[in-house]
């Protein structure tokens, strides 16, 4: 699936889920990849998340997840545990998440 077709499908689903309320209607189709990945992971379901893996490399999705979702800590804990286990094959999700949160906090404090 090409980026433009997949992105259009995801943008439409995000609009239906009312998760793009802060964006101008005309600019939704031109949001950066990182924002599209983040919003899809947070607001949409597995069929749409599968589309992400059809249009973006796994390492890019994982990078966005690590940088944008994991630092939110307890707010997204259950979702992040599921993603760690199901999407990224992480054997010890709780230990991994704690490690990533600590790493992020240490980078901010430096």
PDB file of N, CA and C in Angstrom:
ATOM      1  N   UNK A   1       0.852  -1.173   0.000  1.00  0.00           N
ATOM      2  CA  UNK A   1       0.000   0.000   0.000  1.00  0.00           C
ATOM      3  C   UNK A   1       0.899   1.239   0.000  1.00  0.00           C
ATOM      4  N   UNK A   2       0.584   2.195  -0.842  1.00  0.00           N
ATOM      5  CA  UNK A   2       1.412   3.399  -0.892  1.00  0.00           C
ATOM      6  C   UNK A   2       1.079   4.329   0.263  1.00  0.00           C
ATOM      7  N   UNK A   3       2.011   5.221   0.547  1.00  0.00           N
ATOM      8  CA  UNK A   3       1.850   6.176   1.661  1.00  0.00           C
ATOM      9  C   UNK A   3       0.584   6.996   1.472  1.00  0.00           C
ATOM     10  N   UNK A   4       0.344   7.502   0.264  1.00  0.00           N
ATOM     11  CA  UNK A   4      -0.788   8.409   0.058  1.00  0.00           C
ATOM     12  C   UNK A   4      -2.138   7.710   0.239  1.00  0.00           C
ATOM     13  N   UNK A   5      -2.265   6.495  -0.279  1.00  0.00           N
ATOM     14  CA  UNK A   5      -3.534   5.769  -0.121  1.00  0.00           C
ATOM     15  C   UNK A   5      -3.734   5.390   1.349  1.00  0.00           C
ATOM     16  N   UNK A   6      -2.702   4.820   1.951  1.00  0.00           N
ATOM     17  CA  UNK A   6      -2.789   4.426   3.354  1.00  0.00           C
ATOM     18  C   UNK A   6      -3.016   5.616   4.262  1.00  0.00           C
ATOM     19  N   UNK A   7      -2.303   6.719   3.990  1.00  0.00           N
ATOM     20  CA  UNK A   7      -2.459   7.928   4.808  1.00  0.00           C
ATOM     21  C   UNK A   7      -3.870   8.488   4.676  1.00  0.00           C
ATOM     22  N   UNK A   8      -4.439   8.427   3.484  1.00  0.00           N
ATOM     23  CA  UNK A   8      -5.810   8.920   3.290  1.00  0.00           C
ATOM     24  C   UNK A   8      -6.808   8.076   4.079  1.00  0.00           C
ATOM     25  N   UNK A   9      -6.620   6.770   4.053  1.00  0.00           N
ATOM     26  CA  UNK A   9      -7.501   5.886   4.816  1.00  0.00           C
ATOM     27  C   UNK A   9      -7.397   6.209   6.302  1.00  0.00           C
ATOM     28  N   UNK A  10      -6.173   6.333   6.798  1.00  0.00           N
ATOM     29  CA  UNK A  10      -5.974   6.615   8.221  1.00  0.00           C
ATOM     30  C   UNK A  10      -6.484   8.000   8.588  1.00  0.00           C
ATOM     31  N   UNK A  11      -6.248   8.984   7.738  1.00  0.00           N
ATOM     32  CA  UNK A  11      -6.749  10.334   8.005  1.00  0.00           C
ATOM     33  C   UNK A  11      -8.271  10.340   8.110  1.00  0.00           C
ATOM     34  N   UNK A  12      -8.928   9.626   7.214  1.00  0.00           N
ATOM     35  CA  UNK A  12     -10.399   9.549   7.260  1.00  0.00           C
ATOM     36  C   UNK A  12     -10.879   8.868   8.539  1.00  0.00           C
ATOM     37  N   UNK A  13     -10.195   7.806   8.932  1.00  0.00           N
ATOM     38  CA  UNK A  13     -10.588   7.115  10.165  1.00  0.00           C
ATOM     39  C   UNK A  13     -10.339   7.991  11.397  1.00  0.00           C
ATOM     40  N   UNK A  14      -9.252   8.744  11.386  1.00  0.00           N
ATOM     41  CA  UNK A  14      -8.967   9.653  12.494  1.00  0.00           C
ATOM     42  C   UNK A  14     -10.011  10.772  12.563  1.00  0.00           C
ATOM     43  N   UNK A  15     -10.449  11.246  11.399  1.00  0.00           N
ATOM     44  CA  UNK A  15     -11.517  12.264  11.384  1.00  0.00           C
ATOM     45  C   UNK A  15     -12.801  11.696  11.972  1.00  0.00           C
ATOM     46  N   UNK A  16     -13.152  10.472  11.566  1.00  0.00           N
ATOM     47  CA  UNK A  16     -14.364   9.828  12.096  1.00  0.00           C
ATOM     48  C   UNK A  16     -14.290   9.651  13.603  1.00  0.00           C
ATOM     49  N   UNK A  17     -13.100   9.383  14.111  1.00  0.00           N
ATOM     50  CA  UNK A  17     -12.897   9.180  15.553  1.00  0.00           C
ATOM     51  C   UNK A  17     -12.795  10.515  16.290  1.00  0.00           C
ATOM     52  N   UNK A  18     -12.913  11.611  15.555  1.00  0.00           N
ATOM     53  CA  UNK A  18     -12.852  12.961  16.111  1.00  0.00           C
ATOM     54  C   UNK A  18     -11.530  13.225  16.835  1.00  0.00           C
ATOM     55  N   UNK A  19     -10.473  12.610  16.372  1.00  0.00           N
ATOM     56  CA  UNK A  19      -9.172  12.801  17.012  1.00  0.00           C
ATOM     57  C   UNK A  19      -8.320  13.840  16.286  1.00  0.00           C
ATOM     58  N   UNK A  20      -8.871  14.440  15.261  1.00  0.00           N
ATOM     59  CA  UNK A  20      -8.142  15.471  14.515  1.00  0.00           C
ATOM     60  C   UNK A  20      -8.840  16.826  14.654  1.00  0.00           C
ATOM     61  N   UNK A  21      -9.567  17.007  15.721  1.00  0.00           N
ATOM     62  CA  UNK A  21     -10.363  18.210  15.921  1.00  0.00           C
ATOM     63  C   UNK A  21      -9.535  19.485  15.931  1.00  0.00           C
ATOM     64  N   UNK A  22      -8.266  19.403  16.298  1.00  0.00           N
ATOM     65  CA  UNK A  22      -7.445  20.611  16.395  1.00  0.00           C
ATOM     66  C   UNK A  22      -6.760  20.974  15.073  1.00  0.00           C
ATOM     67  N   UNK A  23      -6.963  20.164  14.046  1.00  0.00           N
ATOM     68  CA  UNK A  23      -6.339  20.423  12.753  1.00  0.00           C
ATOM     69  C   UNK A  23      -7.331  21.046  11.792  1.00  0.00           C
ATOM     70  N   UNK A  24      -6.836  21.914  10.942  1.00  0.00           N
ATOM     71  CA  UNK A  24      -7.643  22.480   9.878  1.00  0.00           C
ATOM     72  C   UNK A  24      -8.041  21.354   8.926  1.00  0.00           C
ATOM     73  N   UNK A  25      -9.290  21.325   8.548  1.00  0.00           N
ATOM     74  CA  UNK A  25      -9.833  20.257   7.691  1.00  0.00           C
ATOM     75  C   UNK A  25      -8.987  20.044   6.426  1.00  0.00           C
ATOM     76  N   UNK A  26      -8.502  21.119   5.834  1.00  0.00           N
ATOM     77  CA  UNK A  26      -7.749  21.016   4.582  1.00  0.00           C
ATOM     78  C   UNK A  26      -6.326  20.493   4.777  1.00  0.00           C
ATOM     79  N   UNK A  27      -5.796  20.613   5.993  1.00  0.00           N
ATOM     80  CA  UNK A  27      -4.407  20.217   6.213  1.00  0.00           C
ATOM     81  C   UNK A  27      -4.259  18.809   6.793  1.00  0.00           C
ATOM     82  N   UNK A  28      -5.356  18.157   7.107  1.00  0.00           N
ATOM     83  CA  UNK A  28      -5.281  16.834   7.731  1.00  0.00           C
ATOM     84  C   UNK A  28      -4.529  15.829   6.859  1.00  0.00           C
ATOM     85  N   UNK A  29      -4.722  15.894   5.561  1.00  0.00           N
ATOM     86  CA  UNK A  29      -4.054  14.931   4.680  1.00  0.00           C
ATOM     87  C   UNK A  29      -2.564  15.193   4.519  1.00  0.00           C
ATOM     88  N   UNK A  30      -2.070  16.309   5.061  1.00  0.00           N
ATOM     89  CA  UNK A  30      -0.648  16.617   4.945  1.00  0.00           C
ATOM     90  C   UNK A  30       0.074  16.609   6.289  1.00  0.00           C
ATOM     91  N   UNK A  31      -0.482  15.921   7.271  1.00  0.00           N
ATOM     92  CA  UNK A  31       0.194  15.871   8.566  1.00  0.00           C
ATOM     93  C   UNK A  31       1.465  15.035   8.434  1.00  0.00           C
ATOM     94  N   UNK A  32       2.477  15.349   9.234  1.00  0.00           N
ATOM     95  CA  UNK A  32       3.736  14.582   9.168  1.00  0.00           C
ATOM     96  C   UNK A  32       3.524  13.107   9.538  1.00  0.00           C
ATOM     97  N   UNK A  33       4.403  12.267   9.046  1.00  0.00           N
ATOM     98  CA  UNK A  33       4.328  10.829   9.314  1.00  0.00           C
ATOM     99  C   UNK A  33       4.255  10.540  10.810  1.00  0.00           C
ATOM    100  N   UNK A  34       5.096  11.226  11.596  1.00  0.00           N
ATOM    101  CA  UNK A  34       5.150  10.968  13.038  1.00  0.00           C
ATOM    102  C   UNK A  34       3.800  11.231  13.714  1.00  0.00           C
ATOM    103  N   UNK A  35       3.129  12.287  13.297  1.00  0.00           N
ATOM    104  CA  UNK A  35       1.824  12.617  13.883  1.00  0.00           C
ATOM    105  C   UNK A  35       0.790  11.579  13.461  1.00  0.00           C
ATOM    106  N   UNK A  36       0.822  11.177  12.202  1.00  0.00           N
ATOM    107  CA  UNK A  36      -0.108  10.157  11.717  1.00  0.00           C
ATOM    108  C   UNK A  36       0.079   8.848  12.480  1.00  0.00           C
ATOM    109  N   UNK A  37       1.320   8.459  12.684  1.00  0.00           N
ATOM    110  CA  UNK A  37       1.607   7.221  13.417  1.00  0.00           C
ATOM    111  C   UNK A  37       1.137   7.343  14.861  1.00  0.00           C
ATOM    112  N   UNK A  38       1.486   8.431  15.520  1.00  0.00           N
ATOM    113  CA  UNK A  38       1.097   8.635  16.922  1.00  0.00           C
ATOM    114  C   UNK A  38      -0.427   8.615  17.091  1.00  0.00           C
ATOM    115  N   UNK A  39      -1.118   9.390  16.278  1.00  0.00           N
ATOM    116  CA  UNK A  39      -2.585   9.469  16.394  1.00  0.00           C
ATOM    117  C   UNK A  39      -3.236   8.121  16.103  1.00  0.00           C
ATOM    118  N   UNK A  40      -2.722   7.403  15.126  1.00  0.00           N
ATOM    119  CA  UNK A  40      -3.279   6.088  14.793  1.00  0.00           C
ATOM    120  C   UNK A  40      -3.088   5.118  15.950  1.00  0.00           C
ATOM    121  N   UNK A  41      -1.890   5.080  16.518  1.00  0.00           N
ATOM    122  CA  UNK A  41      -1.637   4.169  17.638  1.00  0.00           C
ATOM    123  C   UNK A  41      -2.541   4.474  18.828  1.00  0.00           C
ATOM    124  N   UNK A  42      -2.775   5.736  19.091  1.00  0.00           N
ATOM    125  CA  UNK A  42      -3.570   6.112  20.260  1.00  0.00           C
ATOM    126  C   UNK A  42      -5.070   5.970  20.029  1.00  0.00           C
ATOM    127  N   UNK A  43      -5.546   6.372  18.855  1.00  0.00           N
ATOM    128  CA  UNK A  43      -6.985   6.524  18.668  1.00  0.00           C
ATOM    129  C   UNK A  43      -7.678   5.455  17.824  1.00  0.00           C
ATOM    130  N   UNK A  44      -6.919   4.675  17.076  1.00  0.00           N
ATOM    131  CA  UNK A  44      -7.575   3.724  16.176  1.00  0.00           C
ATOM    132  C   UNK A  44      -7.347   2.282  16.628  1.00  0.00           C
ATOM    133  N   UNK A  45      -7.966   1.356  15.919  1.00  0.00           N
ATOM    134  CA  UNK A  45      -7.943  -0.057  16.294  1.00  0.00           C
ATOM    135  C   UNK A  45      -6.966  -0.848  15.425  1.00  0.00           C
ATOM    136  N   UNK A  46      -6.880  -2.135  15.696  1.00  0.00           N
ATOM    137  CA  UNK A  46      -5.889  -2.993  15.044  1.00  0.00           C
ATOM    138  C   UNK A  46      -5.962  -3.011  13.515  1.00  0.00           C
ATOM    139  N   UNK A  47      -7.134  -2.997  12.882  1.00  0.00           N
ATOM    140  CA  UNK A  47      -7.112  -2.973  11.407  1.00  0.00           C
ATOM    141  C   UNK A  47      -6.393  -1.740  10.852  1.00  0.00           C
ATOM    142  N   UNK A  48      -6.581  -0.590  11.496  1.00  0.00           N
ATOM    143  CA  UNK A  48      -5.906   0.621  11.045  1.00  0.00           C
ATOM    144  C   UNK A  48      -4.422   0.597  11.418  1.00  0.00           C
ATOM    145  N   UNK A  49      -4.110   0.045  12.568  1.00  0.00           N
ATOM    146  CA  UNK A  49      -2.701  -0.071  12.958  1.00  0.00           C
ATOM    147  C   UNK A  49      -1.962  -0.995  11.987  1.00  0.00           C
ATOM    148  N   UNK A  50      -2.649  -2.017  11.502  1.00  0.00           N
ATOM    149  CA  UNK A  50      -2.038  -2.886  10.492  1.00  0.00           C
ATOM    150  C   UNK A  50      -1.693  -2.084   9.232  1.00  0.00           C
ATOM    151  N   UNK A  51      -2.526  -1.125   8.871  1.00  0.00           N
ATOM    152  CA  UNK A  51      -2.232  -0.271   7.714  1.00  0.00           C
ATOM    153  C   UNK A  51      -0.935   0.492   7.937  1.00  0.00           C
ATOM    154  N   UNK A  52      -0.701   0.949   9.181  1.00  0.00           N
ATOM    155  CA  UNK A  52       0.570   1.626   9.480  1.00  0.00           C
ATOM    156  C   UNK A  52       1.752   0.756   9.082  1.00  0.00           C
ATOM    157  N   UNK A  53       1.675  -0.534   9.434  1.00  0.00           N
ATOM    158  CA  UNK A  53       2.780  -1.454   9.132  1.00  0.00           C
ATOM    159  C   UNK A  53       2.870  -1.762   7.643  1.00  0.00           C
ATOM    160  N   UNK A  54       1.793  -1.514   6.897  1.00  0.00           N
ATOM    161  CA  UNK A  54       1.839  -1.671   5.442  1.00  0.00           C
ATOM    162  C   UNK A  54       2.516  -0.486   4.758  1.00  0.00           C
ATOM    163  N   UNK A  55       2.450   0.693   5.388  1.00  0.00           N
ATOM    164  CA  UNK A  55       2.986   1.878   4.708  1.00  0.00           C
ATOM    165  C   UNK A  55       4.269   2.436   5.322  1.00  0.00           C
ATOM    166  N   UNK A  56       4.583   2.045   6.563  1.00  0.00           N
ATOM    167  CA  UNK A  56       5.799   2.533   7.216  1.00  0.00           C
ATOM    168  C   UNK A  56       6.627   1.348   7.705  1.00  0.00           C
ATOM    169  N   UNK A  57       7.957   1.528   7.751  1.00  0.00           N
ATOM    170  CA  UNK A  57       8.800   0.467   8.317  1.00  0.00           C
ATOM    171  C   UNK A  57       8.529   0.302   9.817  1.00  0.00           C
ATOM    172  N   UNK A  58       8.644  -0.906  10.291  1.00  0.00           N
ATOM    173  CA  UNK A  58       8.409  -1.206  11.706  1.00  0.00           C
ATOM    174  C   UNK A  58       9.292  -0.346  12.606  1.00  0.00           C
ATOM    175  N   UNK A  59      10.544  -0.132  12.210  1.00  0.00           N
ATOM    176  CA  UNK A  59      11.465   0.648  13.044  1.00  0.00           C
ATOM    177  C   UNK A  59      11.000   2.096  13.201  1.00  0.00           C
ATOM    178  N   UNK A  60      10.353   2.649  12.177  1.00  0.00           N
ATOM    179  CA  UNK A  60       9.838   4.026  12.262  1.00  0.00           C
ATOM    180  C   UNK A  60       8.653   4.088  13.222  1.00  0.00           C
ATOM    181  N   UNK A  61       7.764   3.116  13.137  1.00  0.00           N
ATOM    182  CA  UNK A  61       6.609   3.060  14.037  1.00  0.00           C
ATOM    183  C   UNK A  61       7.096   2.877  15.472  1.00  0.00           C
ATOM    184  N   UNK A  62       8.057   2.002  15.664  1.00  0.00           N
ATOM    185  CA  UNK A  62       8.587   1.764  17.001  1.00  0.00           C
ATOM    186  C   UNK A  62       9.262   3.013  17.565  1.00  0.00           C
ATOM    187  N   UNK A  63       9.983   3.751  16.715  1.00  0.00           N
ATOM    188  CA  UNK A  63      10.628   4.980  17.166  1.00  0.00           C
ATOM    189  C   UNK A  63       9.592   5.999  17.646  1.00  0.00           C
ATOM    190  N   UNK A  64       8.525   6.182  16.888  1.00  0.00           N
ATOM    191  CA  UNK A  64       7.464   7.115  17.285  1.00  0.00           C
ATOM    192  C   UNK A  64       6.825   6.645  18.586  1.00  0.00           C
ATOM    193  N   UNK A  65       6.569   5.355  18.689  1.00  0.00           N
ATOM    194  CA  UNK A  65       5.990   4.802  19.918  1.00  0.00           C
ATOM    195  C   UNK A  65       6.896   5.088  21.108  1.00  0.00           C
ATOM    196  N   UNK A  66       8.196   4.815  20.952  1.00  0.00           N
ATOM    197  CA  UNK A  66       9.148   5.040  22.053  1.00  0.00           C
ATOM    198  C   UNK A  66       9.255   6.510  22.428  1.00  0.00           C
ATOM    199  N   UNK A  67       9.268   7.390  21.436  1.00  0.00           N
ATOM    200  CA  UNK A  67       9.480   8.815  21.699  1.00  0.00           C
ATOM    201  C   UNK A  67       8.215   9.561  22.100  1.00  0.00           C
ATOM    202  N   UNK A  68       7.067   9.129  21.619  1.00  0.00           N
ATOM    203  CA  UNK A  68       5.836   9.890  21.841  1.00  0.00           C
ATOM    204  C   UNK A  68       4.866   9.259  22.839  1.00  0.00           C
ATOM    205  N   UNK A  69       4.766   7.943  22.850  1.00  0.00           N
ATOM    206  CA  UNK A  69       3.771   7.301  23.705  1.00  0.00           C
ATOM    207  C   UNK A  69       4.341   6.810  25.034  1.00  0.00           C
ATOM    208  N   UNK A  70       5.486   6.176  25.006  1.00  0.00           N
ATOM    209  CA  UNK A  70       6.052   5.644  26.244  1.00  0.00           C
ATOM    210  C   UNK A  70       6.292   6.732  27.289  1.00  0.00           C
ATOM    211  N   UNK A  71       6.798   7.919  26.916  1.00  0.00           N
ATOM    212  CA  UNK A  71       7.019   8.937  27.944  1.00  0.00           C
ATOM    213  C   UNK A  71       5.743   9.404  28.673  1.00  0.00           C
ATOM    214  N   UNK A  72       4.600   9.067  28.180  1.00  0.00           N
ATOM    215  CA  UNK A  72       3.359   9.471  28.845  1.00  0.00           C
ATOM    216  C   UNK A  72       3.043   8.622  30.070  1.00  0.00           C
ATOM    217  N   UNK A  73       3.876   7.610  30.306  1.00  0.00           N
ATOM    218  CA  UNK A  73       3.817   6.830  31.538  1.00  0.00           C
ATOM    219  C   UNK A  73       2.475   6.187  31.835  1.00  0.00           C
ATOM    220  N   UNK A  74       1.978   6.424  33.047  1.00  0.00           N
ATOM    221  CA  UNK A  74       0.758   5.770  33.524  1.00  0.00           C
ATOM    222  C   UNK A  74      -0.455   6.043  32.645  1.00  0.00           C
ATOM    223  N   UNK A  75      -0.487   7.201  32.017  1.00  0.00           N
ATOM    224  CA  UNK A  75      -1.625   7.573  31.176  1.00  0.00           C
ATOM    225  C   UNK A  75      -1.880   6.543  30.067  1.00  0.00           C
ATOM    226  N   UNK A  76      -0.814   6.027  29.480  1.00  0.00           N
ATOM    227  CA  UNK A  76      -0.948   5.044  28.390  1.00  0.00           C
ATOM    228  C   UNK A  76      -0.340   3.689  28.752  1.00  0.00           C
ATOM    229  N   UNK A  77      -0.191   3.401  30.027  1.00  0.00           N
ATOM    230  CA  UNK A  77       0.502   2.190  30.492  1.00  0.00           C
ATOM    231  C   UNK A  77      -0.063   0.916  29.854  1.00  0.00           C
ATOM    232  N   UNK A  78      -1.360   0.710  29.948  1.00  0.00           N
ATOM    233  CA  UNK A  78      -1.957  -0.529  29.428  1.00  0.00           C
ATOM    234  C   UNK A  78      -1.773  -0.640  27.926  1.00  0.00           C
ATOM    235  N   UNK A  79      -1.993   0.445  27.224  1.00  0.00           N
ATOM    236  CA  UNK A  79      -1.821   0.439  25.770  1.00  0.00           C
ATOM    237  C   UNK A  79      -0.364   0.159  25.410  1.00  0.00           C
ATOM    238  N   UNK A  80       0.557   0.795  26.099  1.00  0.00           N
ATOM    239  CA  UNK A  80       1.979   0.579  25.813  1.00  0.00           C
ATOM    240  C   UNK A  80       2.425  -0.849  26.124  1.00  0.00           C
ATOM    241  N   UNK A  81       1.887  -1.427  27.184  1.00  0.00           N
ATOM    242  CA  UNK A  81       2.217  -2.827  27.497  1.00  0.00           C
ATOM    243  C   UNK A  81       1.739  -3.736  26.358  1.00  0.00           C
ATOM    244  N   UNK A  82       0.539  -3.490  25.860  1.00  0.00           N
ATOM    245  CA  UNK A  82       0.016  -4.289  24.756  1.00  0.00           C
ATOM    246  C   UNK A  82       0.880  -4.119  23.504  1.00  0.00           C
ATOM    247  N   UNK A  83       1.205  -2.877  23.155  1.00  0.00           N
ATOM    248  CA  UNK A  83       2.033  -2.645  21.973  1.00  0.00           C
ATOM    249  C   UNK A  83       3.398  -3.317  22.107  1.00  0.00           C
ATOM    250  N   UNK A  84       4.003  -3.199  23.284  1.00  0.00           N
ATOM    251  CA  UNK A  84       5.315  -3.821  23.502  1.00  0.00           C
ATOM    252  C   UNK A  84       5.243  -5.317  23.227  1.00  0.00           C
ATOM    253  N   UNK A  85       4.250  -5.955  23.794  1.00  0.00           N
ATOM    254  CA  UNK A  85       4.109  -7.404  23.658  1.00  0.00           C
ATOM    255  C   UNK A  85       3.651  -7.810  22.253  1.00  0.00           C
ATOM    256  N   UNK A  86       2.578  -7.198  21.757  1.00  0.00           N
ATOM    257  CA  UNK A  86       1.942  -7.657  20.525  1.00  0.00           C
ATOM    258  C   UNK A  86       2.609  -7.142  19.249  1.00  0.00           C
ATOM    259  N   UNK A  87       2.912  -5.849  19.208  1.00  0.00           N
ATOM    260  CA  UNK A  87       3.441  -5.274  17.970  1.00  0.00           C
ATOM    261  C   UNK A  87       4.951  -5.406  17.833  1.00  0.00           C
ATOM    262  N   UNK A  88       5.665  -5.336  18.976  1.00  0.00           N
ATOM    263  CA  UNK A  88       7.118  -5.252  18.906  1.00  0.00           C
ATOM    264  C   UNK A  88       7.833  -6.446  19.533  1.00  0.00           C
ATOM    265  N   UNK A  89       7.090  -7.485  19.899  1.00  0.00           N
ATOM    266  CA  UNK A  89       7.671  -8.741  20.397  1.00  0.00           C
ATOM    267  C   UNK A  89       8.652  -8.550  21.550  1.00  0.00           C
ATOM    268  N   UNK A  90       8.332  -7.658  22.454  1.00  0.00           N
ATOM    269  CA  UNK A  90       9.188  -7.410  23.613  1.00  0.00           C
ATOM    270  C   UNK A  90       8.786  -8.398  24.704  1.00  0.00           C
ATOM    271  N   UNK A  91       9.759  -9.172  25.161  1.00  0.00           N
ATOM    272  CA  UNK A  91       9.472 -10.280  26.083  1.00  0.00           C
ATOM    273  C   UNK A  91       9.084  -9.834  27.483  1.00  0.00           C
ATOM    274  N   UNK A  92       9.660  -8.746  27.973  1.00  0.00           N
ATOM    275  CA  UNK A  92       9.353  -8.249  29.320  1.00  0.00           C
ATOM    276  C   UNK A  92       8.859  -6.810  29.208  1.00  0.00           C
ATOM    277  N   UNK A  93       7.604  -6.619  28.812  1.00  0.00           N
ATOM    278  CA  UNK A  93       7.083  -5.274  28.532  1.00  0.00           C
ATOM    279  C   UNK A  93       7.229  -4.296  29.691  1.00  0.00           C
ATOM    280  N   UNK A  94       6.932  -4.728  30.912  1.00  0.00           N
ATOM    281  CA  UNK A  94       6.998  -3.803  32.043  1.00  0.00           C
ATOM    282  C   UNK A  94       8.423  -3.297  32.267  1.00  0.00           C
ATOM    283  N   UNK A  95       9.388  -4.189  32.220  1.00  0.00           N
ATOM    284  CA  UNK A  95      10.785  -3.798  32.402  1.00  0.00           C
ATOM    285  C   UNK A  95      11.235  -2.874  31.269  1.00  0.00           C
ATOM    286  N   UNK A  96      10.822  -3.187  30.049  1.00  0.00           N
ATOM    287  CA  UNK A  96      11.188  -2.363  28.898  1.00  0.00           C
ATOM    288  C   UNK A  96      10.617  -0.955  29.034  1.00  0.00           C
ATOM    289  N   UNK A  97       9.335  -0.868  29.364  1.00  0.00           N
ATOM    290  CA  UNK A  97       8.693   0.441  29.496  1.00  0.00           C
ATOM    291  C   UNK A  97       9.349   1.268  30.592  1.00  0.00           C
ATOM    292  N   UNK A  98       9.621   0.646  31.708  1.00  0.00           N
ATOM    293  CA  UNK A  98      10.276   1.355  32.812  1.00  0.00           C
ATOM    294  C   UNK A  98      11.644   1.863  32.375  1.00  0.00           C
ATOM    295  N   UNK A  99      12.382   1.043  31.668  1.00  0.00           N
ATOM    296  CA  UNK A  99      13.694   1.426  31.175  1.00  0.00           C
ATOM    297  C   UNK A  99      13.605   2.622  30.217  1.00  0.00           C
ATOM    298  N   UNK A 100      12.650   2.582  29.296  1.00  0.00           N
ATOM    299  CA  UNK A 100      12.488   3.666  28.335  1.00  0.00           C
ATOM    300  C   UNK A 100      12.031   4.959  29.016  1.00  0.00           C
ATOM    301  N   UNK A 101      11.138   4.842  29.999  1.00  0.00           N
ATOM    302  CA  UNK A 101      10.681   6.024  30.736  1.00  0.00           C
ATOM    303  C   UNK A 101      11.849   6.650  31.501  1.00  0.00           C
ATOM    304  N   UNK A 102      12.656   5.813  32.138  1.00  0.00           N
ATOM    305  CA  UNK A 102      13.815   6.306  32.889  1.00  0.00           C
ATOM    306  C   UNK A 102      14.819   6.965  31.959  1.00  0.00           C
ATOM    307  N   UNK A 103      15.071   6.348  30.817  1.00  0.00           N
ATOM    308  CA  UNK A 103      15.989   6.914  29.838  1.00  0.00           C
ATOM    309  C   UNK A 103      15.509   8.282  29.375  1.00  0.00           C
ATOM    310  N   UNK A 104      14.225   8.391  29.114  1.00  0.00           N
ATOM    311  CA  UNK A 104      13.649   9.679  28.676  1.00  0.00           C
ATOM    312  C   UNK A 104      13.784  10.737  29.770  1.00  0.00           C
ATOM    313  N   UNK A 105      13.471  10.373  30.993  1.00  0.00           N
ATOM    314  CA  UNK A 105      13.570  11.300  32.112  1.00  0.00           C
ATOM    315  C   UNK A 105      15.021  11.762  32.304  1.00  0.00           C
ATOM    316  N   UNK A 106      15.952  10.835  32.236  1.00  0.00           N
ATOM    317  CA  UNK A 106      17.368  11.189  32.382  1.00  0.00           C
ATOM    318  C   UNK A 106      17.837  12.136  31.270  1.00  0.00           C
ATOM    319  N   UNK A 107      17.334  11.937  30.051  1.00  0.00           N
ATOM    320  CA  UNK A 107      17.742  12.824  28.951  1.00  0.00           C
ATOM    321  C   UNK A 107      17.187  14.234  29.148  1.00  0.00           C
ATOM    322  N   UNK A 108      16.034  14.348  29.777  1.00  0.00           N
ATOM    323  CA  UNK A 108      15.446  15.664  30.042  1.00  0.00           C
ATOM    324  C   UNK A 108      16.218  16.376  31.155  1.00  0.00           C
ATOM    325  N   UNK A 109      16.620  15.620  32.159  1.00  0.00           N
ATOM    326  CA  UNK A 109      17.282  16.198  33.329  1.00  0.00           C
ATOM    327  C   UNK A 109      18.726  16.607  33.077  1.00  0.00           C
ATOM    328  N   UNK A 110      19.323  16.114  32.008  1.00  0.00           N
ATOM    329  CA  UNK A 110      20.734  16.445  31.706  1.00  0.00           C
ATOM    330  C   UNK A 110      20.870  17.845  31.188  1.00  0.00           C
TER     331      UNK A 110
END
